[in-house]
Amino acid sequence: MAMFMIFLGVMLLLICTLGWRFLATGFPKYKKWKWLLLWLLISALAVGLFLFVQGKSRAGMPIDFLLRQGMVKFFSFWMIFQVSMLVFFPVWIGIAFSRWSLKKKSQAKEGLLQKISLAFVVLALGISIKFGVFPDSWRVVEVEIGSPEIPEGLDGLRIAQISDTHVIYPEDVDKVRAQIEAAKVGKAELLFFTGDLADTTALIPDAVKVFKDAEKDFPLGVWFVLGNHEYFQGLPLFMAEFDKQKVRLLRNEGATLSYQGTSFYLGGVDYPWKGNVFSRDGGGASFDMAAAEKDLNEVLSKKPADQYMILGAHHPGAFDLSFDKKVGLTISGHTHASQVGFGGRSLNPFVKYNWGLYGKEGFWGYVTSGAGEWFPIRFGAQEEVVIFTLRRVGR
């Protein structure tokens, strides 16, 4: 299903790009069908290679590392190039309008318009090389959580979050290992993984083991909540491995932990499927607010009344509920910041809680951009490991 949606999205992108870039604007010779056919063939090749790599990897079949990397980078480069051309849509329309508005042919003006077109094509290529071939590496983000609700004894508590690793290739396991090491170096007392661990079933044991091996490095433990991709790839597979390796998984429950003699409550909610459409054994990515509220109420019913609460919820749709129910800190992932961002915020205006820190009256929520991706294009929305530091303020 995911591959079909990728393919459909790319095809729609192709149609828009062909129409805007070649039929309406650009250099006159590009209106010839042979150039349109070349564009289509390159795009089809990019998509085909990417689907080939994904299929081989998820089936557990070996493929040379350099060959795989080359195919994925070629796909990323070409898709970002198309997106960049679409972003410059107003430029192409302006150039087309200028051409059409010429009452008399002006070679000087035509030459200028072609130079402007070429400049923007070169700019699009530069953007594509930067983000498709040489993308930014993951980073560690420090986030300070200040609130009068934080008990004095928890001031200075550091908690690491890793989310959405989407392990597909063997080298992704090594990347996760390095990210966990960064959380350890950052002196986090606790590591919380907030869903979407692996998308290649053969690598689930290795991905789980990396976290399990790290428990000794975090005094308050390593904890998990489920994401929607655990259901997509087969929840029984994950649950069997979690049980085998004795993972601390929170499914609508919590645990009382202690830091410097002060207790707090660590809770985790399941992914809230829309009950009347999907079962919790698999299905689409539907998010149901009623299910989310039921799950959160179940966690809260088990929480000691006087304890500060930190909640892991894969989907940030739970933020409004957690703010209203006075949950101290809720940490989520899922969105990947739409994989397009600038200055630590997503450029997608249609998702309410997409990337970064949000708050209401001293109660906070953070959405990470994720530590990996299942679609290999990030445009200014860098992968991240987040380390939170709790600070008591205002009292």
Protein backbone atom coordinates (compact mmCIF):
# COMPACT_ATOMS: atom_id res chain seq x y z
CA MET A 1 0.00 0.00 0.00
CA ALA A 2 2.79 2.42 0.92
CA MET A 3 4.65 1.71 -2.32
CA PHE A 4 1.46 2.25 -4.31
CA MET A 5 0.91 5.63 -2.64
CA ILE A 6 4.50 6.62 -3.42
CA PHE A 7 4.08 5.59 -7.04
CA LEU A 8 0.74 7.44 -7.34
CA GLY A 9 2.19 10.58 -5.77
CA VAL A 10 5.18 10.55 -8.09
CA MET A 11 2.97 10.09 -11.14
CA LEU A 12 0.83 13.07 -10.14
CA LEU A 13 3.99 15.08 -9.63
CA LEU A 14 5.16 14.12 -13.10
CA ILE A 15 1.92 15.22 -14.71
CA CYS A 16 2.05 18.63 -13.00
CA THR A 17 5.72 19.09 -13.80
CA LEU A 18 5.31 18.18 -17.45
CA GLY A 19 2.40 20.55 -17.84
CA TRP A 20 3.96 23.51 -16.06
CA ARG A 21 7.59 23.19 -17.05
CA PHE A 22 7.47 22.09 -20.66
CA LEU A 23 4.06 22.84 -22.15
CA ALA A 24 3.57 26.33 -20.72
CA THR A 25 7.07 27.73 -20.22
CA GLY A 26 10.75 27.19 -20.70
CA PHE A 27 12.86 27.04 -23.78
CA PRO A 28 10.91 26.67 -27.04
CA LYS A 29 12.60 23.44 -28.05
CA TYR A 30 11.44 21.78 -24.84
CA LYS A 31 7.93 21.79 -26.21
CA LYS A 32 8.95 19.01 -28.55
CA TRP A 33 7.65 15.59 -27.53
CA LYS A 34 11.08 13.98 -27.53
CA TRP A 35 12.07 16.15 -24.54
CA LEU A 36 8.85 15.28 -22.73
CA LEU A 37 9.49 11.60 -23.39
CA LEU A 38 13.05 11.89 -22.06
CA TRP A 39 11.77 13.54 -18.87
CA LEU A 40 9.22 10.75 -18.42
CA LEU A 41 11.78 8.03 -19.04
CA ILE A 42 14.24 9.46 -16.50
CA SER A 43 11.46 9.82 -13.93
CA ALA A 44 10.20 6.29 -14.54
CA LEU A 45 13.75 5.00 -14.17
CA ALA A 46 14.19 6.85 -10.87
CA VAL A 47 10.95 5.48 -9.45
CA GLY A 48 11.66 1.99 -10.75
CA LEU A 49 15.12 1.84 -9.20
CA PHE A 50 13.79 3.07 -5.87
CA LEU A 51 10.99 0.49 -5.81
CA PHE A 52 13.52 -2.20 -6.79
CA VAL A 53 15.80 -1.27 -3.89
CA GLN A 54 12.90 -1.14 -1.43
CA GLY A 55 11.52 -4.46 -2.57
CA LYS A 56 14.86 -6.25 -2.39
CA SER A 57 15.68 -4.81 1.03
CA ARG A 58 12.31 -5.47 2.64
CA ALA A 59 12.41 -9.03 1.34
CA GLY A 60 15.72 -9.50 3.12
CA MET A 61 17.63 -10.00 -0.13
CA PRO A 62 21.23 -8.71 -0.24
CA ILE A 63 22.12 -5.85 -2.54
CA ASP A 64 25.49 -4.12 -2.77
CA PHE A 65 25.70 -1.12 -0.43
CA LEU A 66 27.15 1.32 -2.98
CA LEU A 67 24.69 0.24 -5.65
CA ARG A 68 21.78 0.67 -3.24
CA GLN A 69 22.99 4.07 -2.10
CA GLY A 70 23.45 5.18 -5.68
CA MET A 71 19.95 4.15 -6.67
CA VAL A 72 18.35 5.85 -3.67
CA LYS A 73 20.33 9.06 -4.19
CA PHE A 74 19.42 9.14 -7.87
CA PHE A 75 15.75 8.82 -6.94
CA SER A 76 16.06 11.53 -4.27
CA PHE A 77 17.90 13.89 -6.60
CA TRP A 78 15.37 13.57 -9.41
CA MET A 79 12.31 13.90 -7.19
CA ILE A 80 13.72 16.98 -5.44
CA PHE A 81 14.56 18.44 -8.84
CA GLN A 82 10.92 18.05 -9.87
CA VAL A 83 9.70 19.56 -6.60
CA SER A 84 12.10 22.48 -7.03
CA MET A 85 10.79 23.13 -10.53
CA LEU A 86 7.25 23.14 -9.17
CA VAL A 87 8.21 25.59 -6.43
CA PHE A 88 9.38 27.96 -9.16
CA PHE A 89 5.97 27.75 -10.83
CA PRO A 90 5.37 31.55 -10.53
CA VAL A 91 8.65 32.15 -12.39
CA TRP A 92 7.65 29.90 -15.30
CA ILE A 93 4.20 31.50 -15.50
CA GLY A 94 5.79 34.96 -15.46
CA ILE A 95 8.16 34.01 -18.26
CA ALA A 96 5.33 32.50 -20.29
CA PHE A 97 3.18 35.61 -19.81
CA SER A 98 6.09 37.83 -20.88
CA ARG A 99 6.54 35.81 -24.07
CA TRP A 100 2.86 35.81 -24.89
CA SER A 101 2.54 39.55 -24.21
CA LEU A 102 5.25 40.52 -26.71
CA LYS A 103 3.60 42.37 -29.58
CA LYS A 104 6.80 42.30 -31.59
CA LYS A 105 9.53 39.75 -31.32
CA SER A 106 12.42 41.08 -29.34
CA GLN A 107 15.55 39.01 -29.48
CA ALA A 108 17.06 40.92 -26.56
CA LYS A 109 14.06 40.27 -24.34
CA GLU A 110 13.78 36.65 -25.50
CA GLY A 111 17.45 36.17 -24.69
CA LEU A 112 16.96 37.66 -21.22
CA LEU A 113 13.98 35.41 -20.55
CA GLN A 114 15.98 32.35 -21.58
CA LYS A 115 18.84 33.37 -19.28
CA ILE A 116 16.38 33.78 -16.39
CA SER A 117 14.91 30.35 -17.16
CA LEU A 118 18.36 28.79 -17.27
CA ALA A 119 19.31 30.46 -13.97
CA PHE A 120 16.32 28.95 -12.20
CA VAL A 121 16.96 25.53 -13.73
CA VAL A 122 20.54 25.70 -12.46
CA LEU A 123 19.25 26.78 -9.03
CA ALA A 124 16.85 23.81 -8.99
CA LEU A 125 19.73 21.50 -9.88
CA GLY A 126 21.83 22.96 -7.07
CA ILE A 127 19.03 22.44 -4.56
CA SER A 128 18.58 18.88 -5.81
CA ILE A 129 22.26 18.05 -5.45
CA LYS A 130 22.41 19.57 -1.96
CA PHE A 131 19.34 17.81 -0.53
CA GLY A 132 19.24 14.72 -2.73
CA VAL A 133 22.89 13.72 -3.08
CA PHE A 134 24.46 15.36 -0.02
CA PRO A 135 21.63 15.63 2.54
CA ASP A 136 22.22 16.88 6.07
CA SER A 137 23.10 14.24 8.63
CA TRP A 138 21.01 13.71 11.74
CA ARG A 139 21.62 16.04 14.69
CA VAL A 140 21.10 16.23 18.45
CA VAL A 141 18.56 18.83 19.56
CA GLU A 142 18.47 20.19 23.12
CA VAL A 143 15.01 21.24 24.32
CA GLU A 144 14.44 22.85 27.71
CA ILE A 145 11.03 22.27 29.30
CA GLY A 146 10.25 24.96 31.86
CA SER A 147 7.12 24.86 34.00
CA PRO A 148 5.94 25.55 37.55
CA GLU A 149 4.33 22.11 37.40
CA ILE A 150 7.73 20.41 37.42
CA PRO A 151 8.66 19.30 40.95
CA GLU A 152 11.83 20.77 42.36
CA GLY A 153 13.39 17.33 42.63
CA LEU A 154 13.01 16.76 38.87
CA ASP A 155 14.83 19.96 37.94
CA GLY A 156 17.68 18.94 35.65
CA LEU A 157 16.26 15.55 34.63
CA ARG A 158 17.38 14.75 31.07
CA ILE A 159 15.29 12.50 28.82
CA ALA A 160 16.23 11.42 25.30
CA GLN A 161 13.71 10.74 22.56
CA ILE A 162 14.34 8.74 19.40
CA SER A 163 11.46 8.15 17.03
CA ASP A 164 10.57 7.03 13.52
CA THR A 165 13.84 5.27 12.71
CA HIS A 166 12.11 3.22 9.97
CA VAL A 167 14.98 0.75 9.67
CA ILE A 168 14.98 -0.53 6.09
CA TYR A 169 18.64 -1.25 5.26
CA PRO A 170 21.33 -2.92 7.40
CA GLU A 171 23.26 0.36 7.66
CA ASP A 172 20.18 1.94 9.26
CA VAL A 173 20.83 -0.24 12.32
CA ASP A 174 24.31 1.28 12.60
CA LYS A 175 22.80 4.76 12.36
CA VAL A 176 20.38 3.97 15.20
CA ARG A 177 23.29 2.68 17.27
CA ALA A 178 25.13 5.97 16.74
CA GLN A 179 22.00 7.94 17.67
CA ILE A 180 21.63 6.00 20.90
CA GLU A 181 25.29 6.66 21.65
CA ALA A 182 24.64 10.39 21.17
CA ALA A 183 21.81 10.21 23.70
CA LYS A 184 24.17 8.48 26.12
CA VAL A 185 26.88 11.12 25.57
CA GLY A 186 24.20 13.74 26.20
CA LYS A 187 23.83 12.30 29.73
CA ALA A 188 20.18 11.36 29.37
CA GLU A 189 18.83 9.40 32.33
CA LEU A 190 16.11 7.79 30.25
CA LEU A 191 15.62 6.90 26.58
CA PHE A 192 12.08 6.87 25.14
CA PHE A 193 11.43 5.43 21.70
CA THR A 194 8.11 6.72 20.34
CA GLY A 195 7.23 4.35 17.50
CA ASP A 196 7.93 3.26 13.91
CA LEU A 197 11.03 1.20 14.53
CA ALA A 198 11.57 -0.87 11.36
CA ASP A 199 10.08 -1.40 7.92
CA THR A 200 12.14 -4.43 6.94
CA THR A 201 10.86 -7.37 8.94
CA ALA A 202 14.16 -9.25 8.74
CA LEU A 203 15.86 -6.39 10.60
CA ILE A 204 13.35 -6.14 13.47
CA PRO A 205 15.47 -8.33 15.82
CA ASP A 206 18.61 -6.29 15.16
CA ALA A 207 16.78 -2.98 15.61
CA VAL A 208 15.27 -4.10 18.91
CA LYS A 209 18.58 -5.48 20.14
CA VAL A 210 20.33 -2.14 19.62
CA PHE A 211 17.94 -0.54 22.09
CA LYS A 212 17.99 -3.49 24.46
CA ASP A 213 21.79 -3.44 24.61
CA ALA A 214 21.63 0.25 25.55
CA GLU A 215 19.60 -0.26 28.73
CA LYS A 216 22.74 -0.36 30.85
CA ASP A 217 23.63 3.16 29.66
CA PHE A 218 20.41 4.81 30.87
CA PRO A 219 19.78 4.63 34.63
CA LEU A 220 16.00 4.99 34.26
CA GLY A 221 15.77 2.55 31.37
CA VAL A 222 14.81 2.35 27.72
CA TRP A 223 11.07 2.50 27.00
CA PHE A 224 8.89 2.00 23.93
CA VAL A 225 5.47 2.92 22.58
CA LEU A 226 3.99 1.60 19.34
CA GLY A 227 3.61 3.53 16.11
CA ASN A 228 1.42 2.86 13.11
CA HIS A 229 4.24 1.14 11.20
CA GLU A 230 4.47 -1.56 13.86
CA TYR A 231 0.93 -2.44 12.77
CA PHE A 232 1.69 -2.01 9.06
CA GLN A 233 4.62 -4.44 9.11
CA GLY A 234 2.85 -6.94 11.36
CA LEU A 235 2.31 -6.32 15.05
CA PRO A 236 2.72 -10.01 16.00
CA LEU A 237 6.28 -9.91 14.61
CA PHE A 238 7.18 -6.93 16.79
CA MET A 239 5.39 -8.25 19.86
CA ALA A 240 7.17 -11.59 19.60
CA GLU A 241 10.53 -9.83 19.44
CA PHE A 242 9.62 -7.39 22.23
CA ASP A 243 8.62 -10.32 24.44
CA LYS A 244 11.75 -12.28 23.53
CA GLN A 245 14.08 -9.40 24.37
CA LYS A 246 11.97 -8.21 27.32
CA VAL A 247 11.42 -4.69 26.00
CA ARG A 248 9.72 -2.18 28.29
CA LEU A 249 6.68 -1.46 26.15
CA LEU A 250 3.95 0.88 27.41
CA ARG A 251 0.52 0.17 25.92
CA ASN A 252 -2.00 2.39 27.69
CA GLU A 253 -0.11 2.04 30.91
CA GLY A 254 2.72 3.63 32.84
CA ALA A 255 5.44 3.16 35.41
CA THR A 256 6.49 5.15 38.45
CA LEU A 257 10.16 6.10 38.29
CA SER A 258 12.36 8.07 40.64
CA TYR A 259 15.01 10.73 40.00
CA GLN A 260 17.01 12.11 42.93
CA GLY A 261 14.39 10.82 45.33
CA THR A 262 11.44 12.41 43.49
CA SER A 263 8.89 10.14 41.81
CA PHE A 264 7.33 10.80 38.42
CA TYR A 265 5.06 8.84 36.11
CA LEU A 266 6.13 7.65 32.65
CA GLY A 267 3.13 6.76 30.50
CA GLY A 268 2.59 5.48 27.00
CA VAL A 269 -0.47 5.22 24.77
CA ASP A 270 -1.12 2.89 21.87
CA TYR A 271 -1.71 4.11 18.34
CA PRO A 272 -5.39 5.21 18.29
CA TRP A 273 -6.91 3.43 15.30
CA LYS A 274 -10.38 4.41 14.16
CA GLY A 275 -12.28 1.54 15.67
CA ASN A 276 -15.20 1.46 13.27
CA VAL A 277 -12.92 1.24 10.22
CA PHE A 278 -9.63 -0.37 11.25
CA SER A 279 -8.77 -2.94 13.86
CA ARG A 280 -5.67 -2.64 15.99
CA ASP A 281 -4.19 -5.62 14.20
CA GLY A 282 -3.48 -3.66 11.04
CA GLY A 283 -4.94 -1.31 8.49
CA GLY A 284 -4.55 2.29 7.43
CA ALA A 285 -3.15 5.29 9.25
CA SER A 286 -6.49 6.54 10.53
CA PHE A 287 -6.33 8.53 13.77
CA ASP A 288 -9.39 8.53 15.97
CA MET A 289 -9.71 11.19 18.68
CA ALA A 290 -12.25 9.16 20.65
CA ALA A 291 -9.86 6.21 20.76
CA ALA A 292 -7.00 8.54 21.75
CA GLU A 293 -9.03 9.97 24.64
CA LYS A 294 -10.03 6.49 25.82
CA ASP A 295 -6.40 5.38 25.79
CA LEU A 296 -5.17 8.49 27.62
CA ASN A 297 -7.90 8.17 30.26
CA GLU A 298 -6.80 4.59 30.80
CA VAL A 299 -3.22 5.72 31.43
CA LEU A 300 -4.30 8.57 33.70
CA SER A 301 -6.50 6.25 35.75
CA LYS A 302 -3.37 4.35 36.79
CA LYS A 303 -1.28 7.44 37.61
CA PRO A 304 -0.72 8.45 41.25
CA ALA A 305 -2.42 11.81 41.75
CA ASP A 306 0.65 13.71 42.95
CA GLN A 307 3.15 12.62 40.32
CA TYR A 308 4.40 14.69 37.37
CA MET A 309 3.71 12.84 34.13
CA ILE A 310 5.70 12.35 30.93
CA LEU A 311 3.74 10.72 28.13
CA GLY A 312 4.87 8.98 24.96
CA ALA A 313 2.31 9.09 22.14
CA HIS A 314 3.38 8.31 18.59
CA HIS A 315 0.74 10.56 17.01
CA PRO A 316 0.75 14.24 18.10
CA GLY A 317 -3.00 14.40 17.60
CA ALA A 318 -3.08 13.58 21.32
CA PHE A 319 -1.64 17.00 22.27
CA ASP A 320 -4.95 18.81 22.71
CA LEU A 321 -6.11 16.04 25.01
CA SER A 322 -2.89 15.93 27.01
CA PHE A 323 -2.88 19.72 27.43
CA ASP A 324 -6.47 19.74 28.68
CA LYS A 325 -5.81 16.82 31.01
CA LYS A 326 -2.70 18.55 32.39
CA VAL A 327 -0.06 16.07 31.28
CA GLY A 328 3.31 17.66 32.06
CA LEU A 329 5.15 16.69 28.86
CA THR A 330 3.95 14.70 25.85
CA ILE A 331 6.49 13.59 23.25
CA SER A 332 5.51 12.40 19.79
CA GLY A 333 6.78 11.72 16.29
CA HIS A 334 4.90 10.33 13.27
CA THR A 335 4.83 13.47 11.10
CA HIS A 336 8.53 13.58 10.09
CA ALA A 337 7.86 17.37 9.97
CA SER A 338 6.37 16.49 6.57
CA GLN A 339 10.08 16.15 5.66
CA VAL A 340 10.03 19.77 4.50
CA GLY A 341 11.00 22.53 6.90
CA PHE A 342 12.97 25.64 7.74
CA GLY A 343 14.34 26.97 11.01
CA GLY A 344 13.07 24.07 13.08
CA ARG A 345 9.48 24.31 11.84
CA SER A 346 7.68 22.37 9.14
CA LEU A 347 6.62 24.21 6.00
CA ASN A 348 3.43 22.16 5.82
CA PRO A 349 0.69 24.51 7.11
CA PHE A 350 -2.03 21.86 7.16
CA VAL A 351 -0.85 19.89 10.21
CA LYS A 352 -1.50 21.54 13.55
CA TYR A 353 1.31 19.85 15.49
CA ASN A 354 4.01 18.99 12.97
CA TRP A 355 7.47 19.75 14.36
CA GLY A 356 8.85 21.42 17.44
CA LEU A 357 7.69 22.53 20.86
CA TYR A 358 4.08 23.43 21.62
CA GLY A 359 2.56 24.40 24.93
CA LYS A 360 -0.50 25.47 26.88
CA GLU A 361 -0.44 26.93 30.39
CA GLY A 362 2.76 25.21 31.49
CA PHE A 363 1.97 21.86 29.87
CA TRP A 364 4.12 20.94 26.92
CA GLY A 365 4.28 18.77 23.84
CA TYR A 366 7.12 18.15 21.43
CA VAL A 367 6.95 16.63 17.94
CA THR A 368 10.26 15.34 16.66
CA SER A 369 11.11 15.36 12.96
CA GLY A 370 12.17 11.74 13.42
CA ALA A 371 15.48 9.92 13.34
CA GLY A 372 14.95 8.28 9.94
CA GLU A 373 12.55 8.15 7.03
CA TRP A 374 10.66 5.64 4.93
CA PHE A 375 10.69 8.04 1.97
CA PRO A 376 14.26 9.23 1.27
CA ILE A 377 13.67 12.94 0.71
CA ARG A 378 14.19 15.58 3.38
CA PHE A 379 14.21 19.23 2.50
CA GLY A 380 15.30 21.34 5.47
CA ALA A 381 13.69 19.02 8.02
CA GLN A 382 16.76 17.37 9.48
CA GLU A 383 16.61 14.04 11.30
CA GLU A 384 17.08 14.48 15.02
CA VAL A 385 17.68 12.92 18.40
CA VAL A 386 16.02 15.06 21.06
CA ILE A 387 17.25 15.53 24.62
CA PHE A 388 14.84 17.25 27.01
CA THR A 389 15.93 18.96 30.21
CA LEU A 390 13.22 19.62 32.79
CA ARG A 391 13.39 22.97 34.59
CA ARG A 392 11.19 24.18 37.41
CA VAL A 393 10.30 27.80 36.80
CA GLY A 394 7.74 30.33 37.97
CA ARG A 395 7.40 29.36 41.62
